[in-house]
C-alpha atoms as a PDB file:
ATOM      1  CA  MET A   1      -4.512 -47.578  80.884  1.00  0.00           C
ATOM      2  CA  PRO A   2      -2.770 -50.151  83.067  1.00  0.00           C
ATOM      3  CA  LEU A   3      -4.895 -53.123  83.995  1.00  0.00           C
ATOM      4  CA  GLY A   4      -4.129 -56.011  86.350  1.00  0.00           C
ATOM      5  CA  SER A   5      -3.786 -56.866  90.024  1.00  0.00           C
ATOM      6  CA  GLY A   6      -1.395 -56.098  92.848  1.00  0.00           C
ATOM      7  CA  ARG A   7      -1.881 -55.653  96.565  1.00  0.00           C
ATOM      8  CA  GLY A   8      -0.319 -53.724  99.431  1.00  0.00           C
ATOM      9  CA  ARG A   9       0.585 -50.522  97.549  1.00  0.00           C
ATOM     10  CA  ALA A  10      -1.159 -47.266  96.756  1.00  0.00           C
ATOM     11  CA  ASN A  11      -3.021 -47.817  93.493  1.00  0.00           C
ATOM     12  CA  GLY A  12      -2.483 -51.521  94.130  1.00  0.00           C
ATOM     13  CA  HIS A  13      -5.277 -52.465  91.763  1.00  0.00           C
ATOM     14  CA  LEU A  14      -3.186 -51.157  88.863  1.00  0.00           C
ATOM     15  CA  ARG A  15      -0.081 -52.770  87.450  1.00  0.00           C
ATOM     16  CA  THR A  16       2.083 -51.213  84.807  1.00  0.00           C
ATOM     17  CA  ASN A  17       3.128 -54.353  82.960  1.00  0.00           C
ATOM     18  CA  ARG A  18       0.055 -54.338  80.696  1.00  0.00           C
ATOM     19  CA  ILE A  19      -1.034 -51.134  79.029  1.00  0.00           C
ATOM     20  CA  TYR A  20      -4.071 -50.820  76.773  1.00  0.00           C
ATOM     21  CA  LEU A  21      -5.326 -47.785  74.899  1.00  0.00           C
ATOM     22  CA  TYR A  22      -8.559 -46.340  76.227  1.00  0.00           C
ATOM     23  CA  HIS A  23     -11.143 -45.151  73.726  1.00  0.00           C
ATOM     24  CA  GLU A  24     -14.285 -43.183  74.441  1.00  0.00           C
ATOM     25  CA  GLY A  25     -16.775 -46.070  74.249  1.00  0.00           C
ATOM     26  CA  ASP A  26     -14.826 -48.593  76.343  1.00  0.00           C
ATOM     27  CA  LEU A  27     -16.841 -47.975  79.506  1.00  0.00           C
ATOM     28  CA  ASP A  28     -19.896 -49.632  77.882  1.00  0.00           C
ATOM     29  CA  SER A  29     -18.451 -53.083  78.646  1.00  0.00           C
ATOM     30  CA  VAL A  30     -18.597 -52.450  82.425  1.00  0.00           C
ATOM     31  CA  THR A  31     -21.447 -54.292  84.142  1.00  0.00           C
ATOM     32  CA  ASP A  32     -22.754 -54.181  87.718  1.00  0.00           C
ATOM     33  CA  LEU A  33     -23.195 -57.954  87.961  1.00  0.00           C
ATOM     34  CA  LYS A  34     -21.088 -59.969  90.432  1.00  0.00           C
ATOM     35  CA  LEU A  35     -18.205 -61.284  88.352  1.00  0.00           C
ATOM     36  CA  SER A  36     -14.928 -63.029  88.971  1.00  0.00           C
ATOM     37  CA  GLY A  37     -12.019 -61.187  90.618  1.00  0.00           C
ATOM     38  CA  ILE A  38     -10.232 -60.563  87.327  1.00  0.00           C
ATOM     39  CA  MET A  39     -13.323 -59.013  85.752  1.00  0.00           C
ATOM     40  CA  GLU A  40     -13.894 -56.811  88.813  1.00  0.00           C
ATOM     41  CA  ARG A  41     -10.338 -55.504  88.591  1.00  0.00           C
ATOM     42  CA  TYR A  42     -10.780 -54.959  84.852  1.00  0.00           C
ATOM     43  CA  ASN A  43     -13.986 -52.967  85.411  1.00  0.00           C
ATOM     44  CA  GLU A  44     -12.304 -50.915  88.165  1.00  0.00           C
ATOM     45  CA  ALA A  45      -9.382 -50.152  85.855  1.00  0.00           C
ATOM     46  CA  LEU A  46     -11.846 -49.046  83.154  1.00  0.00           C
ATOM     47  CA  ARG A  47     -13.524 -46.673  85.616  1.00  0.00           C
ATOM     48  CA  VAL A  48     -10.145 -45.174  86.595  1.00  0.00           C
ATOM     49  CA  ALA A  49      -9.211 -44.874  82.924  1.00  0.00           C
ATOM     50  CA  ARG A  50     -12.517 -43.108  82.258  1.00  0.00           C
ATOM     51  CA  LYS A  51     -11.807 -40.527  84.997  1.00  0.00           C
ATOM     52  CA  ILE A  52      -8.318 -39.871  83.636  1.00  0.00           C
ATOM     53  CA  PHE A  53      -9.669 -39.682  80.075  1.00  0.00           C
ATOM     54  CA  GLU A  54     -12.313 -37.111  81.060  1.00  0.00           C
ATOM     55  CA  ARG A  55      -9.725 -35.016  82.924  1.00  0.00           C
ATOM     56  CA  LEU A  56      -7.380 -35.049  79.905  1.00  0.00           C
ATOM     57  CA  GLN A  57     -10.222 -34.096  77.564  1.00  0.00           C
ATOM     58  CA  ALA A  58     -11.134 -31.168  79.842  1.00  0.00           C
ATOM     59  CA  GLU A  59      -7.487 -30.000  79.857  1.00  0.00           C
ATOM     60  CA  LYS A  60      -7.373 -30.173  76.055  1.00  0.00           C
ATOM     61  CA  ALA A  61     -10.574 -28.125  75.793  1.00  0.00           C
ATOM     62  CA  HIS A  62      -9.190 -25.443  78.151  1.00  0.00           C
ATOM     63  CA  PRO A  63      -5.383 -25.563  77.865  1.00  0.00           C
ATOM     64  CA  GLY A  64      -4.708 -22.601  80.186  1.00  0.00           C
ATOM     65  CA  ILE A  65      -6.693 -24.061  83.095  1.00  0.00           C
ATOM     66  CA  GLY A  66      -5.397 -26.791  85.336  1.00  0.00           C
ATOM     67  CA  PRO A  67      -2.576 -27.528  87.742  1.00  0.00           C
ATOM     68  CA  GLY A  68       0.916 -26.953  86.425  1.00  0.00           C
ATOM     69  CA  ARG A  69      -0.267 -25.358  83.181  1.00  0.00           C
ATOM     70  CA  PHE A  70       1.245 -22.117  81.928  1.00  0.00           C
ATOM     71  CA  GLU A  71      -0.857 -19.663  80.014  1.00  0.00           C
ATOM     72  CA  LEU A  72       2.045 -18.644  77.804  1.00  0.00           C
ATOM     73  CA  LYS A  73       3.616 -21.397  75.748  1.00  0.00           C
ATOM     74  CA  HIS A  74       6.865 -21.103  73.869  1.00  0.00           C
ATOM     75  CA  PRO A  75       6.505 -20.739  70.102  1.00  0.00           C
ATOM     76  CA  MET A  76       7.519 -23.638  67.898  1.00  0.00           C
ATOM     77  CA  TYR A  77      11.202 -23.706  66.950  1.00  0.00           C
ATOM     78  CA  VAL A  78      11.917 -22.392  63.468  1.00  0.00           C
ATOM     79  CA  LYS A  79      15.485 -22.371  62.183  1.00  0.00           C
ATOM     80  CA  ILE A  80      16.448 -19.056  60.604  1.00  0.00           C
ATOM     81  CA  LYS A  81      18.395 -19.641  57.399  1.00  0.00           C
ATOM     82  CA  PHE A  82      19.964 -16.183  57.236  1.00  0.00           C
ATOM     83  CA  ASN A  83      19.332 -12.732  58.626  1.00  0.00           C
ATOM     84  CA  LYS A  84      18.175 -10.026  56.276  1.00  0.00           C
ATOM     85  CA  ASN A  85      19.758  -6.658  56.906  1.00  0.00           C
ATOM     86  CA  VAL A  86      17.235  -3.834  57.237  1.00  0.00           C
ATOM     87  CA  ALA A  87      18.446  -0.250  56.895  1.00  0.00           C
ATOM     88  CA  PRO A  88      17.406   2.279  59.541  1.00  0.00           C
ATOM     89  CA  LEU A  89      14.481   4.600  58.862  1.00  0.00           C
ATOM     90  CA  SER A  90      15.111   7.610  56.720  1.00  0.00           C
ATOM     91  CA  GLY A  91      13.012  10.551  55.591  1.00  0.00           C
ATOM     92  CA  ARG A  92      10.091  11.992  57.526  1.00  0.00           C
ATOM     93  CA  ASN A  93       9.764   9.065  59.916  1.00  0.00           C
ATOM     94  CA  ALA A  94      13.336   9.150  61.180  1.00  0.00           C
ATOM     95  CA  ARG A  95      14.233  11.248  64.190  1.00  0.00           C
ATOM     96  CA  ARG A  96      16.916  13.844  63.770  1.00  0.00           C
ATOM     97  CA  ARG A  97      19.642  13.655  66.318  1.00  0.00           C
ATOM     98  CA  THR A  98      22.985  15.237  66.829  1.00  0.00           C
ATOM     99  CA  ARG A  99      26.048  13.042  66.781  1.00  0.00           C
ATOM    100  CA  SER A 100      28.733  13.292  69.369  1.00  0.00           C
ATOM    101  CA  VAL A 101      32.420  13.045  68.487  1.00  0.00           C
ATOM    102  CA  SER A 102      32.761   9.544  69.960  1.00  0.00           C
ATOM    103  CA  GLU A 103      29.716   8.334  68.033  1.00  0.00           C
ATOM    104  CA  HIS A 104      31.144   9.779  64.820  1.00  0.00           C
ATOM    105  CA  ARG A 105      34.417   7.881  65.418  1.00  0.00           C
ATOM    106  CA  ARG A 106      32.508   4.687  66.112  1.00  0.00           C
ATOM    107  CA  THR A 107      30.505   4.905  62.883  1.00  0.00           C
ATOM    108  CA  ARG A 108      33.717   5.569  60.955  1.00  0.00           C
ATOM    109  CA  THR A 109      35.312   2.404  62.400  1.00  0.00           C
ATOM    110  CA  VAL A 110      32.159   0.440  61.615  1.00  0.00           C
ATOM    111  CA  ARG A 111      32.406   1.572  57.991  1.00  0.00           C
ATOM    112  CA  THR A 112      36.054   0.534  57.751  1.00  0.00           C
ATOM    113  CA  ARG A 113      35.511  -2.745  59.643  1.00  0.00           C
ATOM    114  CA  PRO A 114      31.911  -3.874  59.107  1.00  0.00           C
ATOM    115  CA  CYS A 115      30.839  -6.660  61.462  1.00  0.00           C
ATOM    116  CA  GLY A 116      33.873  -5.992  63.646  1.00  0.00           C
ATOM    117  CA  LEU A 117      33.878  -5.992  67.420  1.00  0.00           C
ATOM    118  CA  GLU A 118      32.416  -2.458  67.594  1.00  0.00           C
ATOM    119  CA  SER A 119      29.491  -3.094  65.249  1.00  0.00           C
ATOM    120  CA  ASN A 120      25.981  -4.125  66.254  1.00  0.00           C
ATOM    121  CA  CYS A 121      25.804  -6.925  63.698  1.00  0.00           C
ATOM    122  CA  ILE A 122      23.124  -9.466  64.612  1.00  0.00           C
ATOM    123  CA  ASN A 123      24.974 -12.199  62.733  1.00  0.00           C
ATOM    124  CA  ARG A 124      28.052 -11.603  64.881  1.00  0.00           C
ATOM    125  CA  ALA A 125      25.908 -11.813  68.020  1.00  0.00           C
ATOM    126  CA  LEU A 126      24.401 -15.106  66.806  1.00  0.00           C
ATOM    127  CA  LEU A 127      27.815 -16.465  65.707  1.00  0.00           C
ATOM    128  CA  GLU A 128      26.674 -16.731  62.083  1.00  0.00           C
ATOM    129  CA  GLU A 129      28.543 -15.717  58.952  1.00  0.00           C
ATOM    130  CA  CYS A 130      27.100 -12.862  56.907  1.00  0.00           C
ATOM    131  CA  ASN A 131      25.835 -13.629  53.432  1.00  0.00           C
ATOM    132  CA  PRO A 132      27.839 -11.363  51.060  1.00  0.00           C
ATOM    133  CA  LYS A 133      24.980 -11.273  48.520  1.00  0.00           C
ATOM    134  CA  SER A 134      22.375  -9.866  50.905  1.00  0.00           C
ATOM    135  CA  TYR A 135      24.586  -7.892  53.295  1.00  0.00           C
ATOM    136  CA  PRO A 136      25.392  -4.261  52.370  1.00  0.00           C
ATOM    137  CA  ALA A 137      29.069  -4.585  53.341  1.00  0.00           C
ATOM    138  CA  GLY A 138      29.452  -7.404  50.835  1.00  0.00           C
ATOM    139  CA  GLU A 139      32.895  -8.998  50.726  1.00  0.00           C
ATOM    140  CA  SER A 140      34.416  -6.531  53.211  1.00  0.00           C
ATOM    141  CA  CYS A 141      32.481  -8.161  56.068  1.00  0.00           C
ATOM    142  CA  LYS A 142      34.806  -9.409  58.819  1.00  0.00           C
ATOM    143  CA  ILE A 143      32.881 -12.513  59.897  1.00  0.00           C
ATOM    144  CA  GLN A 144      33.221 -14.684  56.807  1.00  0.00           C
ATOM    145  CA  CYS A 145      36.157 -16.579  58.267  1.00  0.00           C
ATOM    146  CA  PHE A 146      34.969 -20.104  57.498  1.00  0.00           C
ATOM    147  CA  LYS A 147      34.189 -19.261  53.898  1.00  0.00           C
ATOM    148  CA  ARG A 148      37.595 -17.617  53.432  1.00  0.00           C
ATOM    149  CA  LYS A 149      39.323 -20.310  55.532  1.00  0.00           C
ATOM    150  CA  GLN A 150      40.841 -17.716  57.831  1.00  0.00           C
ATOM    151  CA  TYR A 151      41.653 -19.234  61.191  1.00  0.00           C
ATOM    152  CA  PRO A 152      43.383 -17.716  64.218  1.00  0.00           C
ATOM    153  CA  ALA A 153      47.111 -18.312  64.486  1.00  0.00           C
ATOM    154  CA  LEU A 154      47.630 -21.257  66.816  1.00  0.00           C
ATOM    155  CA  GLU A 155      50.569 -23.451  67.573  1.00  0.00           C
ATOM    156  CA  ALA A 156      50.697 -26.860  69.195  1.00  0.00           C
ATOM    157  CA  LYS A 157      52.463 -27.150  72.532  1.00  0.00           C
ATOM    158  CA  ARG A 158      53.370 -30.297  74.376  1.00  0.00           C
ATOM    159  CA  ILE A 159      52.599 -30.336  78.044  1.00  0.00           C
END
């Protein structure tokens, strides 16, 4: 908590050039006796620090309550190493549906060009290369360009 002197500003009794950690038992050193100006400012700073400390402890005890607090917090970031392909449901749990002609053509192109532009590959959406060991398409996957060192045809032009 900042301690010190300063006049003519809001919170003028606090200066930010000296910062000390406030611990729970620090308010015990405050006395009500008439002391010098420095000690009075020190005691006032301890009282302010105590109020802030109590408010922060109350916010920690009830994290959803308080101004500017959101009840839903974002989950911690976890890097996904690779995506595991999961086959669609089959058997009794799968719904039967009729395929249209356009859908049949699309599934045929997906089989010939797995992870192509028409496929719903999550790795393609996330701009990741598929792992040929865990992916059902194996080596025929179209988004293993860095591994195969396949780059688009480019030529340098002078402007």
